Amino acid sequence: MLGRRRLVGLGLAALAVGGKVVWDGADTLLAQDEDGATGALLGQVVDAGGGPLPGVTVTLLSASLEAGDLTLTTDGDGRFGLSPAPVGLYDVQADRDGFRTGTLGAVTVATGKTTQATVMLERRVPGDGGY
């Protein structure tokens, strides 16, 4: 089992998982990976008008994640990220009360590259399930 510990400092929360650094914030955190087969997955969750959505639960699903699915929360600018991210295909799911779930499928993280992902959430209206 991988050791986990919470890191909080200078207003930036991070979670260290087996040598990788996951962050919730606009600042970039870097970590080393032994084999170098990593990239980065950075994203933003926005509403239908393009405005950033803070406090959105973002789940990254990928067979490349040794510890299983990874859950993050967007920062005040609606941003989230994983760096370094193991190379592979990811599904990105974003959930927030009052909005329909947003999903991006087959997001590719390539060696040495930064992949940008933007998820748009639409407001639920009366009559939608779970409203």
Protein backbone atom coordinates (compact mmCIF):
# COMPACT_ATOMS: atom_id res chain seq x y z
CA MET A 1 0.00 0.00 0.00
CA LEU A 2 1.30 3.42 -0.90
CA GLY A 3 1.95 5.88 1.89
CA ARG A 4 -0.15 9.03 1.81
CA ARG A 5 0.32 12.29 3.63
CA ARG A 6 -1.25 15.70 3.42
CA LEU A 7 0.91 18.70 2.70
CA VAL A 8 -0.39 22.18 3.40
CA GLY A 9 1.67 25.29 3.00
CA LEU A 10 1.40 28.80 1.69
CA GLY A 11 -2.28 28.31 0.96
CA LEU A 12 -1.65 25.39 -1.40
CA ALA A 13 -2.93 21.92 -0.53
CA ALA A 14 -1.25 18.87 -2.03
CA LEU A 15 -1.35 15.12 -1.56
CA ALA A 16 1.82 13.05 -1.95
CA VAL A 17 1.11 9.55 -3.24
CA GLY A 18 3.99 7.18 -3.93
CA GLY A 19 6.44 9.80 -5.22
CA LYS A 20 3.89 11.69 -7.32
CA VAL A 21 2.57 15.08 -6.34
CA VAL A 22 -1.08 15.91 -6.84
CA TRP A 23 -2.09 19.51 -6.41
CA ASP A 24 -5.15 21.66 -6.05
CA GLY A 25 -3.97 25.12 -6.97
CA ALA A 26 -2.65 27.41 -9.65
CA ASP A 27 1.02 27.02 -8.69
CA THR A 28 2.92 24.18 -10.37
CA LEU A 29 4.39 21.48 -8.19
CA LEU A 30 6.95 19.14 -9.72
CA ALA A 31 8.19 15.74 -8.64
CA GLN A 32 10.67 13.28 -10.10
CA ASP A 33 9.70 9.91 -11.59
CA GLU A 34 12.36 7.24 -11.90
CA ASP A 35 11.61 6.06 -15.45
CA GLY A 36 10.74 9.45 -16.95
CA ALA A 37 7.58 8.10 -18.64
CA THR A 38 5.41 10.91 -17.36
CA GLY A 39 3.71 14.04 -18.56
CA ALA A 40 1.28 16.42 -16.90
CA LEU A 41 -2.49 16.74 -16.90
CA LEU A 42 -3.71 20.25 -16.15
CA GLY A 43 -7.29 21.36 -16.46
CA GLN A 44 -10.05 23.77 -15.66
CA VAL A 45 -13.75 23.35 -15.02
CA VAL A 46 -15.97 26.12 -16.40
CA ASP A 47 -19.69 26.90 -16.65
CA ALA A 48 -21.60 27.28 -19.93
CA GLY A 49 -20.53 30.94 -20.13
CA GLY A 50 -16.83 30.05 -19.73
CA GLY A 51 -16.59 31.23 -16.12
CA PRO A 52 -14.37 29.19 -13.76
CA LEU A 53 -16.07 26.89 -11.24
CA PRO A 54 -14.31 26.51 -7.88
CA GLY A 55 -15.01 23.62 -5.53
CA VAL A 56 -15.80 21.06 -8.23
CA THR A 57 -14.97 17.42 -7.47
CA VAL A 58 -12.81 16.09 -10.32
CA THR A 59 -12.14 12.37 -10.63
CA LEU A 60 -9.31 11.08 -12.84
CA LEU A 61 -9.80 7.48 -13.98
CA SER A 62 -6.95 5.61 -15.66
CA ALA A 63 -5.35 2.19 -15.66
CA SER A 64 -2.05 4.13 -15.46
CA LEU A 65 -2.79 5.26 -11.88
CA GLU A 66 -1.24 2.63 -9.59
CA ALA A 67 -3.32 3.71 -6.58
CA GLY A 68 -6.60 3.71 -8.54
CA ASP A 69 -8.94 6.57 -9.34
CA LEU A 70 -7.80 9.97 -8.10
CA THR A 71 -10.16 12.63 -6.73
CA LEU A 72 -9.24 16.33 -6.72
CA THR A 73 -11.09 19.58 -5.98
CA THR A 74 -10.79 22.63 -8.23
CA ASP A 75 -9.23 25.77 -6.78
CA GLY A 76 -10.71 29.30 -6.84
CA ASP A 77 -9.98 29.58 -10.57
CA GLY A 78 -11.59 26.22 -11.35
CA ARG A 79 -8.18 24.59 -11.96
CA PHE A 80 -6.93 21.11 -11.16
CA GLY A 81 -3.85 19.10 -12.10
CA LEU A 82 -1.65 16.06 -11.79
CA SER A 83 2.09 16.47 -12.33
CA PRO A 84 3.83 14.23 -13.02
CA ALA A 85 1.07 12.10 -14.52
CA PRO A 86 1.81 8.56 -15.66
CA VAL A 87 1.60 8.28 -19.45
CA GLY A 88 -1.69 6.85 -20.66
CA LEU A 89 -5.37 7.46 -21.30
CA TYR A 90 -7.52 9.22 -18.71
CA ASP A 91 -11.21 9.85 -18.27
CA VAL A 92 -11.98 13.10 -16.45
CA GLN A 93 -15.26 13.42 -14.55
CA ALA A 94 -16.41 16.67 -12.90
CA ASP A 95 -19.27 16.92 -10.38
CA ARG A 96 -20.80 19.87 -8.53
CA ASP A 97 -24.19 20.35 -6.91
CA GLY A 98 -26.58 22.23 -9.17
CA PHE A 99 -24.76 21.15 -12.36
CA ARG A 100 -24.93 18.15 -14.67
CA THR A 101 -21.88 15.87 -14.47
CA GLY A 102 -19.25 16.69 -17.10
CA THR A 103 -17.04 14.01 -18.63
CA LEU A 104 -14.08 13.99 -20.99
CA GLY A 105 -13.05 10.58 -22.31
CA ALA A 106 -9.76 9.31 -23.69
CA VAL A 107 -7.62 12.29 -22.61
CA THR A 108 -4.06 11.34 -23.60
CA VAL A 109 -1.02 12.12 -21.44
CA ALA A 110 2.19 11.68 -23.43
CA THR A 111 5.81 11.51 -22.25
CA GLY A 112 7.20 14.96 -21.48
CA LYS A 113 4.03 16.77 -22.61
CA THR A 114 1.46 18.83 -20.75
CA THR A 115 -2.11 17.94 -21.65
CA GLN A 116 -4.73 20.64 -21.11
CA ALA A 117 -8.31 19.57 -20.38
CA THR A 118 -11.32 21.87 -20.06
CA VAL A 119 -14.58 20.45 -18.73
CA MET A 120 -17.77 22.49 -19.18
CA LEU A 121 -20.63 21.96 -16.74
CA GLU A 122 -24.23 22.94 -17.54
CA ARG A 123 -26.65 24.03 -14.83
CA ARG A 124 -29.38 21.60 -13.92
CA VAL A 125 -32.91 22.82 -14.40
CA PRO A 126 -36.07 21.79 -12.53
CA GLY A 127 -37.09 18.36 -13.75
CA ASP A 128 -33.52 17.10 -14.23
CA GLY A 129 -32.70 14.03 -12.16
CA GLY A 130 -30.97 14.91 -8.89
CA TYR A 131 -31.94 18.57 -8.99
